[in-house]
Amino acid sequence: MIQDGDADSLDVMKRVSPSLSGAVRLFSFWIANGTVGHPQLDDVDYTCIFEEPSALEATYAIFMNCLELDDDGVVLNAKAAERRAAEYILAYCTGKQPERAFEQWEVELY
């Protein structure tokens, strides 16, 4: 039961910022059309990640975990997060390990 004053608190529910939503949408578009990680993955057929759900899950986890937002929810480093996710895809598909190993916080599944 909502009491007086409680309805107002529902109006301040936090939402994902347009910037974050746009970054995830664009990353998803690039993943789906085969152009993510340009130029890192230009000659890599990474369609195998669509056959292994955990590989795609890890790719998104890395992208999301590496994103940085300012106080207004504006994404500050979408390209850097994309590059890091592309390094995972490259390692998954070719075995080529990134120069900097993935840290636990980057690959954490929440």
PDB file of N, CA and C in Angstrom:
ATOM      1  N   MET A   1       0.832  -1.173   0.000  1.00  0.00           N
ATOM      2  CA  MET A   1       0.000   0.000   0.000  1.00  0.00           C
ATOM      3  C   MET A   1       0.886   1.249   0.000  1.00  0.00           C
ATOM      4  N   ILE A   2       0.619   2.167  -0.905  1.00  0.00           N
ATOM      5  CA  ILE A   2       1.370   3.422  -0.974  1.00  0.00           C
ATOM      6  C   ILE A   2       0.717   4.431  -0.048  1.00  0.00           C
ATOM      7  N   GLN A   3       1.517   5.007   0.831  1.00  0.00           N
ATOM      8  CA  GLN A   3       1.019   6.026   1.747  1.00  0.00           C
ATOM      9  C   GLN A   3       1.356   7.400   1.183  1.00  0.00           C
ATOM     10  N   ASP A   4       0.762   8.410   1.794  1.00  0.00           N
ATOM     11  CA  ASP A   4       1.034   9.784   1.351  1.00  0.00           C
ATOM     12  C   ASP A   4       2.535  10.045   1.319  1.00  0.00           C
ATOM     13  N   GLY A   5       3.005  10.618   0.252  1.00  0.00           N
ATOM     14  CA  GLY A   5       4.425  10.935   0.113  1.00  0.00           C
ATOM     15  C   GLY A   5       5.221   9.839  -0.574  1.00  0.00           C
ATOM     16  N   ASP A   6       4.744   8.585  -0.515  1.00  0.00           N
ATOM     17  CA  ASP A   6       5.477   7.478  -1.131  1.00  0.00           C
ATOM     18  C   ASP A   6       5.423   7.536  -2.658  1.00  0.00           C
ATOM     19  N   ALA A   7       4.333   8.026  -3.198  1.00  0.00           N
ATOM     20  CA  ALA A   7       4.191   8.086  -4.655  1.00  0.00           C
ATOM     21  C   ALA A   7       5.261   8.980  -5.268  1.00  0.00           C
ATOM     22  N   ASP A   8       5.617  10.060  -4.568  1.00  0.00           N
ATOM     23  CA  ASP A   8       6.649  10.960  -5.082  1.00  0.00           C
ATOM     24  C   ASP A   8       7.993  10.256  -5.201  1.00  0.00           C
ATOM     25  N   SER A   9       8.281   9.343  -4.284  1.00  0.00           N
ATOM     26  CA  SER A   9       9.569   8.649  -4.332  1.00  0.00           C
ATOM     27  C   SER A   9       9.662   7.739  -5.545  1.00  0.00           C
ATOM     28  N   LEU A  10       8.528   7.309  -6.078  1.00  0.00           N
ATOM     29  CA  LEU A  10       8.545   6.469  -7.274  1.00  0.00           C
ATOM     30  C   LEU A  10       8.992   7.265  -8.498  1.00  0.00           C
ATOM     31  N   ASP A  11       8.766   8.575  -8.479  1.00  0.00           N
ATOM     32  CA  ASP A  11       9.120   9.423  -9.610  1.00  0.00           C
ATOM     33  C   ASP A  11      10.627   9.624  -9.753  1.00  0.00           C
ATOM     34  N   VAL A  12      11.401   9.352  -8.720  1.00  0.00           N
ATOM     35  CA  VAL A  12      12.838   9.588  -8.774  1.00  0.00           C
ATOM     36  C   VAL A  12      13.627   8.303  -9.023  1.00  0.00           C
ATOM     37  N   MET A  13      12.937   7.266  -9.469  1.00  0.00           N
ATOM     38  CA  MET A  13      13.616   6.010  -9.763  1.00  0.00           C
ATOM     39  C   MET A  13      14.690   6.255 -10.818  1.00  0.00           C
ATOM     40  N   LYS A  14      15.859   5.738 -10.574  1.00  0.00           N
ATOM     41  CA  LYS A  14      16.975   5.919 -11.514  1.00  0.00           C
ATOM     42  C   LYS A  14      16.748   5.070 -12.759  1.00  0.00           C
ATOM     43  N   ARG A  15      17.149   5.608 -13.869  1.00  0.00           N
ATOM     44  CA  ARG A  15      17.079   4.928 -15.158  1.00  0.00           C
ATOM     45  C   ARG A  15      18.467   4.953 -15.777  1.00  0.00           C
ATOM     46  N   VAL A  16      18.691   4.069 -16.699  1.00  0.00           N
ATOM     47  CA  VAL A  16      19.939   4.076 -17.456  1.00  0.00           C
ATOM     48  C   VAL A  16      19.967   5.359 -18.285  1.00  0.00           C
ATOM     49  N   SER A  17      21.121   6.013 -18.312  1.00  0.00           N
ATOM     50  CA  SER A  17      21.235   7.270 -19.051  1.00  0.00           C
ATOM     51  C   SER A  17      21.141   7.025 -20.556  1.00  0.00           C
ATOM     52  N   PRO A  18      20.693   8.020 -21.304  1.00  0.00           N
ATOM     53  CA  PRO A  18      20.681   7.887 -22.763  1.00  0.00           C
ATOM     54  C   PRO A  18      22.077   7.585 -23.320  1.00  0.00           C
ATOM     55  N   SER A  19      23.104   8.144 -22.709  1.00  0.00           N
ATOM     56  CA  SER A  19      24.469   7.898 -23.171  1.00  0.00           C
ATOM     57  C   SER A  19      24.851   6.430 -23.005  1.00  0.00           C
ATOM     58  N   LEU A  20      24.545   5.855 -21.846  1.00  0.00           N
ATOM     59  CA  LEU A  20      24.848   4.440 -21.615  1.00  0.00           C
ATOM     60  C   LEU A  20      24.015   3.552 -22.523  1.00  0.00           C
ATOM     61  N   SER A  21      22.742   3.862 -22.634  1.00  0.00           N
ATOM     62  CA  SER A  21      21.871   3.097 -23.521  1.00  0.00           C
ATOM     63  C   SER A  21      22.391   3.135 -24.957  1.00  0.00           C
ATOM     64  N   GLY A  22      22.805   4.308 -25.402  1.00  0.00           N
ATOM     65  CA  GLY A  22      23.342   4.446 -26.756  1.00  0.00           C
ATOM     66  C   GLY A  22      24.634   3.680 -26.957  1.00  0.00           C
ATOM     67  N   ALA A  23      25.507   3.686 -25.953  1.00  0.00           N
ATOM     68  CA  ALA A  23      26.777   2.961 -26.059  1.00  0.00           C
ATOM     69  C   ALA A  23      26.538   1.459 -26.167  1.00  0.00           C
ATOM     70  N   VAL A  24      25.607   0.938 -25.378  1.00  0.00           N
ATOM     71  CA  VAL A  24      25.300  -0.498 -25.424  1.00  0.00           C
ATOM     72  C   VAL A  24      24.617  -0.853 -26.741  1.00  0.00           C
ATOM     73  N   ARG A  25      23.702   0.006 -27.192  1.00  0.00           N
ATOM     74  CA  ARG A  25      23.024  -0.237 -28.467  1.00  0.00           C
ATOM     75  C   ARG A  25      24.023  -0.277 -29.617  1.00  0.00           C
ATOM     76  N   LEU A  26      24.933   0.697 -29.651  1.00  0.00           N
ATOM     77  CA  LEU A  26      25.916   0.757 -30.729  1.00  0.00           C
ATOM     78  C   LEU A  26      26.871  -0.436 -30.674  1.00  0.00           C
ATOM     79  N   PHE A  27      27.330  -0.797 -29.475  1.00  0.00           N
ATOM     80  CA  PHE A  27      28.194  -1.969 -29.319  1.00  0.00           C
ATOM     81  C   PHE A  27      27.468  -3.217 -29.820  1.00  0.00           C
ATOM     82  N   SER A  28      26.201  -3.361 -29.482  1.00  0.00           N
ATOM     83  CA  SER A  28      25.408  -4.511 -29.932  1.00  0.00           C
ATOM     84  C   SER A  28      25.283  -4.533 -31.452  1.00  0.00           C
ATOM     85  N   PHE A  29      25.071  -3.371 -32.045  1.00  0.00           N
ATOM     86  CA  PHE A  29      24.987  -3.276 -33.502  1.00  0.00           C
ATOM     87  C   PHE A  29      26.287  -3.747 -34.142  1.00  0.00           C
ATOM     88  N   TRP A  30      27.422  -3.257 -33.613  1.00  0.00           N
ATOM     89  CA  TRP A  30      28.713  -3.649 -34.175  1.00  0.00           C
ATOM     90  C   TRP A  30      28.977  -5.139 -33.991  1.00  0.00           C
ATOM     91  N   ILE A  31      28.621  -5.681 -32.841  1.00  0.00           N
ATOM     92  CA  ILE A  31      28.778  -7.125 -32.609  1.00  0.00           C
ATOM     93  C   ILE A  31      27.984  -7.891 -33.663  1.00  0.00           C
ATOM     94  N   ALA A  32      26.718  -7.504 -33.831  1.00  0.00           N
ATOM     95  CA  ALA A  32      25.815  -8.237 -34.720  1.00  0.00           C
ATOM     96  C   ALA A  32      26.203  -8.141 -36.188  1.00  0.00           C
ATOM     97  N   ASN A  33      26.735  -6.995 -36.620  1.00  0.00           N
ATOM     98  CA  ASN A  33      27.041  -6.875 -38.048  1.00  0.00           C
ATOM     99  C   ASN A  33      28.497  -7.184 -38.391  1.00  0.00           C
ATOM    100  N   GLY A  34      29.263  -7.613 -37.395  1.00  0.00           N
ATOM    101  CA  GLY A  34      30.628  -8.074 -37.666  1.00  0.00           C
ATOM    102  C   GLY A  34      31.685  -6.997 -37.737  1.00  0.00           C
ATOM    103  N   THR A  35      31.404  -5.822 -37.183  1.00  0.00           N
ATOM    104  CA  THR A  35      32.378  -4.733 -37.273  1.00  0.00           C
ATOM    105  C   THR A  35      32.904  -4.267 -35.922  1.00  0.00           C
ATOM    106  N   VAL A  36      32.661  -5.009 -34.868  1.00  0.00           N
ATOM    107  CA  VAL A  36      33.162  -4.605 -33.556  1.00  0.00           C
ATOM    108  C   VAL A  36      34.685  -4.681 -33.547  1.00  0.00           C
ATOM    109  N   GLY A  37      35.305  -3.797 -32.797  1.00  0.00           N
ATOM    110  CA  GLY A  37      36.750  -3.867 -32.612  1.00  0.00           C
ATOM    111  C   GLY A  37      37.587  -3.457 -33.797  1.00  0.00           C
ATOM    112  N   HIS A  38      37.027  -2.658 -34.697  1.00  0.00           N
ATOM    113  CA  HIS A  38      37.815  -2.191 -35.847  1.00  0.00           C
ATOM    114  C   HIS A  38      38.996  -1.369 -35.336  1.00  0.00           C
ATOM    115  N   PRO A  39      40.189  -1.605 -35.756  1.00  0.00           N
ATOM    116  CA  PRO A  39      40.656  -2.567 -36.752  1.00  0.00           C
ATOM    117  C   PRO A  39      41.145  -3.898 -36.169  1.00  0.00           C
ATOM    118  N   GLN A  40      41.077  -4.068 -34.843  1.00  0.00           N
ATOM    119  CA  GLN A  40      41.617  -5.277 -34.210  1.00  0.00           C
ATOM    120  C   GLN A  40      41.072  -6.568 -34.807  1.00  0.00           C
ATOM    121  N   LEU A  41      39.798  -6.586 -35.132  1.00  0.00           N
ATOM    122  CA  LEU A  41      39.155  -7.825 -35.565  1.00  0.00           C
ATOM    123  C   LEU A  41      38.806  -7.833 -37.048  1.00  0.00           C
ATOM    124  N   ASP A  42      39.428  -6.953 -37.821  1.00  0.00           N
ATOM    125  CA  ASP A  42      39.076  -6.837 -39.238  1.00  0.00           C
ATOM    126  C   ASP A  42      39.184  -8.149 -40.002  1.00  0.00           C
ATOM    127  N   ASP A  43      40.177  -8.958 -39.721  1.00  0.00           N
ATOM    128  CA  ASP A  43      40.369 -10.212 -40.460  1.00  0.00           C
ATOM    129  C   ASP A  43      39.988 -11.436 -39.640  1.00  0.00           C
ATOM    130  N   VAL A  44      39.207 -11.231 -38.585  1.00  0.00           N
ATOM    131  CA  VAL A  44      38.836 -12.334 -37.702  1.00  0.00           C
ATOM    132  C   VAL A  44      37.345 -12.628 -37.851  1.00  0.00           C
ATOM    133  N   ASP A  45      37.036 -13.876 -38.187  1.00  0.00           N
ATOM    134  CA  ASP A  45      35.641 -14.309 -38.216  1.00  0.00           C
ATOM    135  C   ASP A  45      35.268 -14.707 -36.793  1.00  0.00           C
ATOM    136  N   TYR A  46      34.564 -13.829 -36.119  1.00  0.00           N
ATOM    137  CA  TYR A  46      34.236 -14.108 -34.720  1.00  0.00           C
ATOM    138  C   TYR A  46      32.797 -14.602 -34.541  1.00  0.00           C
ATOM    139  N   THR A  47      32.193 -15.099 -35.596  1.00  0.00           N
ATOM    140  CA  THR A  47      30.817 -15.579 -35.485  1.00  0.00           C
ATOM    141  C   THR A  47      30.678 -16.771 -34.543  1.00  0.00           C
ATOM    142  N   CYS A  48      31.792 -17.415 -34.207  1.00  0.00           N
ATOM    143  CA  CYS A  48      31.729 -18.546 -33.280  1.00  0.00           C
ATOM    144  C   CYS A  48      31.229 -18.120 -31.901  1.00  0.00           C
ATOM    145  N   ILE A  49      31.372 -16.835 -31.542  1.00  0.00           N
ATOM    146  CA  ILE A  49      30.891 -16.416 -30.221  1.00  0.00           C
ATOM    147  C   ILE A  49      29.367 -16.456 -30.138  1.00  0.00           C
ATOM    148  N   PHE A  50      28.699 -16.458 -31.289  1.00  0.00           N
ATOM    149  CA  PHE A  50      27.241 -16.554 -31.285  1.00  0.00           C
ATOM    150  C   PHE A  50      26.770 -17.980 -31.023  1.00  0.00           C
ATOM    151  N   GLU A  51      27.677 -18.939 -31.167  1.00  0.00           N
ATOM    152  CA  GLU A  51      27.350 -20.344 -30.915  1.00  0.00           C
ATOM    153  C   GLU A  51      27.685 -20.756 -29.487  1.00  0.00           C
ATOM    154  N   GLU A  52      28.386 -19.916 -28.771  1.00  0.00           N
ATOM    155  CA  GLU A  52      28.789 -20.203 -27.392  1.00  0.00           C
ATOM    156  C   GLU A  52      28.294 -19.061 -26.502  1.00  0.00           C
ATOM    157  N   PRO A  53      27.138 -19.248 -25.877  1.00  0.00           N
ATOM    158  CA  PRO A  53      26.552 -18.161 -25.092  1.00  0.00           C
ATOM    159  C   PRO A  53      27.485 -17.569 -24.039  1.00  0.00           C
ATOM    160  N   SER A  54      28.312 -18.390 -23.408  1.00  0.00           N
ATOM    161  CA  SER A  54      29.185 -17.849 -22.364  1.00  0.00           C
ATOM    162  C   SER A  54      30.258 -16.931 -22.948  1.00  0.00           C
ATOM    163  N   ALA A  55      30.657 -17.150 -24.189  1.00  0.00           N
ATOM    164  CA  ALA A  55      31.638 -16.271 -24.830  1.00  0.00           C
ATOM    165  C   ALA A  55      31.023 -14.901 -25.106  1.00  0.00           C
ATOM    166  N   LEU A  56      29.795 -14.894 -25.578  1.00  0.00           N
ATOM    167  CA  LEU A  56      29.113 -13.625 -25.824  1.00  0.00           C
ATOM    168  C   LEU A  56      28.814 -12.919 -24.499  1.00  0.00           C
ATOM    169  N   GLU A  57      28.440 -13.693 -23.490  1.00  0.00           N
ATOM    170  CA  GLU A  57      28.201 -13.131 -22.157  1.00  0.00           C
ATOM    171  C   GLU A  57      29.465 -12.467 -21.616  1.00  0.00           C
ATOM    172  N   ALA A  58      30.602 -13.134 -21.758  1.00  0.00           N
ATOM    173  CA  ALA A  58      31.875 -12.580 -21.286  1.00  0.00           C
ATOM    174  C   ALA A  58      32.238 -11.316 -22.058  1.00  0.00           C
ATOM    175  N   THR A  59      31.970 -11.297 -23.355  1.00  0.00           N
ATOM    176  CA  THR A  59      32.243 -10.120 -24.179  1.00  0.00           C
ATOM    177  C   THR A  59      31.471  -8.912 -23.661  1.00  0.00           C
ATOM    178  N   TYR A  60      30.185  -9.105 -23.401  1.00  0.00           N
ATOM    179  CA  TYR A  60      29.371  -8.008 -22.875  1.00  0.00           C
ATOM    180  C   TYR A  60      29.785  -7.619 -21.465  1.00  0.00           C
ATOM    181  N   ALA A  61      30.146  -8.593 -20.639  1.00  0.00           N
ATOM    182  CA  ALA A  61      30.594  -8.286 -19.275  1.00  0.00           C
ATOM    183  C   ALA A  61      31.822  -7.391 -19.319  1.00  0.00           C
ATOM    184  N   ILE A  62      32.780  -7.730 -20.164  1.00  0.00           N
ATOM    185  CA  ILE A  62      33.997  -6.926 -20.271  1.00  0.00           C
ATOM    186  C   ILE A  62      33.668  -5.520 -20.763  1.00  0.00           C
ATOM    187  N   PHE A  63      32.852  -5.426 -21.798  1.00  0.00           N
ATOM    188  CA  PHE A  63      32.467  -4.105 -22.303  1.00  0.00           C
ATOM    189  C   PHE A  63      31.816  -3.270 -21.201  1.00  0.00           C
ATOM    190  N   MET A  64      30.833  -3.839 -20.526  1.00  0.00           N
ATOM    191  CA  MET A  64      30.101  -3.095 -19.496  1.00  0.00           C
ATOM    192  C   MET A  64      30.981  -2.766 -18.297  1.00  0.00           C
ATOM    193  N   ASN A  65      31.795  -3.719 -17.862  1.00  0.00           N
ATOM    194  CA  ASN A  65      32.644  -3.492 -16.688  1.00  0.00           C
ATOM    195  C   ASN A  65      33.718  -2.445 -16.944  1.00  0.00           C
ATOM    196  N   CYS A  66      34.130  -2.295 -18.185  1.00  0.00           N
ATOM    197  CA  CYS A  66      35.183  -1.330 -18.516  1.00  0.00           C
ATOM    198  C   CYS A  66      34.648   0.078 -18.785  1.00  0.00           C
ATOM    199  N   LEU A  67      33.351   0.195 -18.977  1.00  0.00           N
ATOM    200  CA  LEU A  67      32.780   1.521 -19.217  1.00  0.00           C
ATOM    201  C   LEU A  67      32.937   2.412 -17.995  1.00  0.00           C
ATOM    202  N   GLU A  68      33.230   3.675 -18.243  1.00  0.00           N
ATOM    203  CA  GLU A  68      33.305   4.688 -17.190  1.00  0.00           C
ATOM    204  C   GLU A  68      32.269   5.764 -17.494  1.00  0.00           C
ATOM    205  N   LEU A  69      31.578   6.201 -16.447  1.00  0.00           N
ATOM    206  CA  LEU A  69      30.541   7.217 -16.584  1.00  0.00           C
ATOM    207  C   LEU A  69      30.881   8.420 -15.718  1.00  0.00           C
ATOM    208  N   ASP A  70      30.477   9.606 -16.173  1.00  0.00           N
ATOM    209  CA  ASP A  70      30.634  10.772 -15.305  1.00  0.00           C
ATOM    210  C   ASP A  70      29.430  10.849 -14.364  1.00  0.00           C
ATOM    211  N   ASP A  71      29.356  11.876 -13.562  1.00  0.00           N
ATOM    212  CA  ASP A  71      28.283  12.013 -12.571  1.00  0.00           C
ATOM    213  C   ASP A  71      26.898  12.135 -13.194  1.00  0.00           C
ATOM    214  N   ASP A  72      26.839  12.523 -14.457  1.00  0.00           N
ATOM    215  CA  ASP A  72      25.561  12.652 -15.151  1.00  0.00           C
ATOM    216  C   ASP A  72      25.205  11.412 -15.958  1.00  0.00           C
ATOM    217  N   GLY A  73      26.025  10.367 -15.868  1.00  0.00           N
ATOM    218  CA  GLY A  73      25.750   9.135 -16.597  1.00  0.00           C
ATOM    219  C   GLY A  73      26.238   9.144 -18.028  1.00  0.00           C
ATOM    220  N   VAL A  74      27.071  10.111 -18.383  1.00  0.00           N
ATOM    221  CA  VAL A  74      27.619  10.189 -19.740  1.00  0.00           C
ATOM    222  C   VAL A  74      28.816   9.245 -19.839  1.00  0.00           C
ATOM    223  N   VAL A  75      28.803   8.396 -20.853  1.00  0.00           N
ATOM    224  CA  VAL A  75      29.896   7.450 -21.066  1.00  0.00           C
ATOM    225  C   VAL A  75      31.136   8.214 -21.504  1.00  0.00           C
ATOM    226  N   LEU A  76      32.251   7.917 -20.843  1.00  0.00           N
ATOM    227  CA  LEU A  76      33.502   8.626 -21.110  1.00  0.00           C
ATOM    228  C   LEU A  76      34.472   7.844 -21.991  1.00  0.00           C
ATOM    229  N   ASN A  77      34.312   6.531 -22.094  1.00  0.00           N
ATOM    230  CA  ASN A  77      35.340   5.714 -22.743  1.00  0.00           C
ATOM    231  C   ASN A  77      34.780   4.531 -23.530  1.00  0.00           C
ATOM    232  N   ALA A  78      33.735   4.747 -24.288  1.00  0.00           N
ATOM    233  CA  ALA A  78      33.100   3.646 -25.016  1.00  0.00           C
ATOM    234  C   ALA A  78      34.085   2.935 -25.943  1.00  0.00           C
ATOM    235  N   LYS A  79      34.931   3.681 -26.628  1.00  0.00           N
ATOM    236  CA  LYS A  79      35.874   3.064 -27.571  1.00  0.00           C
ATOM    237  C   LYS A  79      36.891   2.197 -26.830  1.00  0.00           C
ATOM    238  N   ALA A  80      37.371   2.652 -25.685  1.00  0.00           N
ATOM    239  CA  ALA A  80      38.326   1.862 -24.903  1.00  0.00           C
ATOM    240  C   ALA A  80      37.673   0.580 -24.391  1.00  0.00           C
ATOM    241  N   ALA A  81      36.425   0.669 -23.955  1.00  0.00           N
ATOM    242  CA  ALA A  81      35.710  -0.524 -23.492  1.00  0.00           C
ATOM    243  C   ALA A  81      35.484  -1.491 -24.652  1.00  0.00           C
ATOM    244  N   GLU A  82      35.172  -0.950 -25.824  1.00  0.00           N
ATOM    245  CA  GLU A  82      35.005  -1.793 -27.012  1.00  0.00           C
ATOM    246  C   GLU A  82      36.316  -2.499 -27.358  1.00  0.00           C
ATOM    247  N   ARG A  83      37.430  -1.766 -27.306  1.00  0.00           N
ATOM    248  CA  ARG A  83      38.734  -2.377 -27.607  1.00  0.00           C
ATOM    249  C   ARG A  83      39.038  -3.521 -26.647  1.00  0.00           C
ATOM    250  N   ARG A  84      38.718  -3.322 -25.372  1.00  0.00           N
ATOM    251  CA  ARG A  84      38.993  -4.368 -24.383  1.00  0.00           C
ATOM    252  C   ARG A  84      38.131  -5.598 -24.659  1.00  0.00           C
ATOM    253  N   ALA A  85      36.874  -5.397 -25.004  1.00  0.00           N
ATOM    254  CA  ALA A  85      36.001  -6.515 -25.363  1.00  0.00           C
ATOM    255  C   ALA A  85      36.513  -7.202 -26.626  1.00  0.00           C
ATOM    256  N   ALA A  86      37.010  -6.417 -27.578  1.00  0.00           N
ATOM    257  CA  ALA A  86      37.563  -6.988 -28.810  1.00  0.00           C
ATOM    258  C   ALA A  86      38.800  -7.831 -28.517  1.00  0.00           C
ATOM    259  N   GLU A  87      39.599  -7.424 -27.536  1.00  0.00           N
ATOM    260  CA  GLU A  87      40.764  -8.233 -27.152  1.00  0.00           C
ATOM    261  C   GLU A  87      40.326  -9.599 -26.634  1.00  0.00           C
ATOM    262  N   TYR A  88      39.211  -9.621 -25.903  1.00  0.00           N
ATOM    263  CA  TYR A  88      38.687 -10.904 -25.430  1.00  0.00           C
ATOM    264  C   TYR A  88      38.236 -11.757 -26.618  1.00  0.00           C
ATOM    265  N   ILE A  89      37.502 -11.151 -27.548  1.00  0.00           N
ATOM    266  CA  ILE A  89      37.036 -11.893 -28.724  1.00  0.00           C
ATOM    267  C   ILE A  89      38.229 -12.448 -29.494  1.00  0.00           C
ATOM    268  N   LEU A  90      39.254 -11.631 -29.684  1.00  0.00           N
ATOM    269  CA  LEU A  90      40.454 -12.072 -30.395  1.00  0.00           C
ATOM    270  C   LEU A  90      41.094 -13.265 -29.687  1.00  0.00           C
ATOM    271  N   ALA A  91      41.211 -13.186 -28.376  1.00  0.00           N
ATOM    272  CA  ALA A  91      41.791 -14.293 -27.609  1.00  0.00           C
ATOM    273  C   ALA A  91      40.918 -15.535 -27.716  1.00  0.00           C
ATOM    274  N   TYR A  92      39.617 -15.358 -27.643  1.00  0.00           N
ATOM    275  CA  TYR A  92      38.696 -16.495 -27.707  1.00  0.00           C
ATOM    276  C   TYR A  92      38.767 -17.181 -29.074  1.00  0.00           C
ATOM    277  N   CYS A  93      38.823 -16.399 -30.129  1.00  0.00           N
ATOM    278  CA  CYS A  93      38.762 -16.951 -31.488  1.00  0.00           C
ATOM    279  C   CYS A  93      40.107 -17.426 -32.020  1.00  0.00           C
ATOM    280  N   THR A  94      41.191 -16.799 -31.591  1.00  0.00           N
ATOM    281  CA  THR A  94      42.500 -17.113 -32.181  1.00  0.00           C
ATOM    282  C   THR A  94      43.513 -17.640 -31.178  1.00  0.00           C
ATOM    283  N   GLY A  95      43.248 -17.445 -29.897  1.00  0.00           N
ATOM    284  CA  GLY A  95      44.218 -17.830 -28.873  1.00  0.00           C
ATOM    285  C   GLY A  95      45.255 -16.755 -28.593  1.00  0.00           C
ATOM    286  N   LYS A  96      45.249 -15.670 -29.383  1.00  0.00           N
ATOM    287  CA  LYS A  96      46.209 -14.578 -29.173  1.00  0.00           C
ATOM    288  C   LYS A  96      45.808 -13.793 -27.929  1.00  0.00           C
ATOM    289  N   GLN A  97      46.663 -13.817 -26.928  1.00  0.00           N
ATOM    290  CA  GLN A  97      46.366 -13.162 -25.657  1.00  0.00           C
ATOM    291  C   GLN A  97      46.648 -11.660 -25.738  1.00  0.00           C
ATOM    292  N   PRO A  98      45.869 -10.867 -25.016  1.00  0.00           N
ATOM    293  CA  PRO A  98      46.102  -9.418 -25.023  1.00  0.00           C
ATOM    294  C   PRO A  98      47.414  -9.075 -24.331  1.00  0.00           C
ATOM    295  N   GLU A  99      47.965  -7.915 -24.664  1.00  0.00           N
ATOM    296  CA  GLU A  99      49.213  -7.466 -24.031  1.00  0.00           C
ATOM    297  C   GLU A  99      49.055  -7.355 -22.519  1.00  0.00           C
ATOM    298  N   ARG A 100      47.918  -6.871 -22.089  1.00  0.00           N
ATOM    299  CA  ARG A 100      47.633  -6.746 -20.656  1.00  0.00           C
ATOM    300  C   ARG A 100      46.569  -7.775 -20.300  1.00  0.00           C
ATOM    301  N   ALA A 101      46.900  -8.670 -19.381  1.00  0.00           N
ATOM    302  CA  ALA A 101      45.956  -9.712 -18.972  1.00  0.00           C
ATOM    303  C   ALA A 101      44.690  -9.077 -18.396  1.00  0.00           C
ATOM    304  N   PHE A 102      43.585  -9.784 -18.542  1.00  0.00           N
ATOM    305  CA  PHE A 102      42.335  -9.292 -17.980  1.00  0.00           C
ATOM    306  C   PHE A 102      42.382  -9.374 -16.461  1.00  0.00           C
ATOM    307  N   GLU A 103      41.914  -8.313 -15.833  1.00  0.00           N
ATOM    308  CA  GLU A 103      41.826  -8.289 -14.384  1.00  0.00           C
ATOM    309  C   GLU A 103      40.470  -8.856 -13.972  1.00  0.00           C
ATOM    310  N   GLN A 104      40.394  -9.331 -12.736  1.00  0.00           N
ATOM    311  CA  GLN A 104      39.167  -9.976 -12.258  1.00  0.00           C
ATOM    312  C   GLN A 104      37.950  -9.062 -12.397  1.00  0.00           C
ATOM    313  N   TRP A 105      38.102  -7.785 -12.079  1.00  0.00           N
ATOM    314  CA  TRP A 105      36.964  -6.872 -12.151  1.00  0.00           C
ATOM    315  C   TRP A 105      36.461  -6.700 -13.585  1.00  0.00           C
ATOM    316  N   GLU A 106      37.340  -6.902 -14.575  1.00  0.00           N
ATOM    317  CA  GLU A 106      36.930  -6.746 -15.971  1.00  0.00           C
ATOM    318  C   GLU A 106      36.049  -7.896 -16.437  1.00  0.00           C
ATOM    319  N   VAL A 107      36.293  -9.086 -15.936  1.00  0.00           N
ATOM    320  CA  VAL A 107      35.583 -10.278 -16.408  1.00  0.00           C
ATOM    321  C   VAL A 107      34.481 -10.735 -15.453  1.00  0.00           C
ATOM    322  N   GLU A 108      34.274  -9.997 -14.384  1.00  0.00           N
ATOM    323  CA  GLU A 108      33.274 -10.369 -13.381  1.00  0.00           C
ATOM    324  C   GLU A 108      31.874 -10.392 -13.996  1.00  0.00           C
ATOM    325  N   LEU A 109      31.137 -11.450 -13.695  1.00  0.00           N
ATOM    326  CA  LEU A 109      29.742 -11.557 -14.134  1.00  0.00           C
ATOM    327  C   LEU A 109      28.854 -11.192 -12.949  1.00  0.00           C
ATOM    328  N   TYR A 110      28.086 -10.146 -13.088  1.00  0.00           N
ATOM    329  CA  TYR A 110      27.217  -9.695 -11.985  1.00  0.00           C
ATOM    330  C   TYR A 110      25.808 -10.169 -12.194  1.00  0.00           C
TER     331      TYR A 110
END
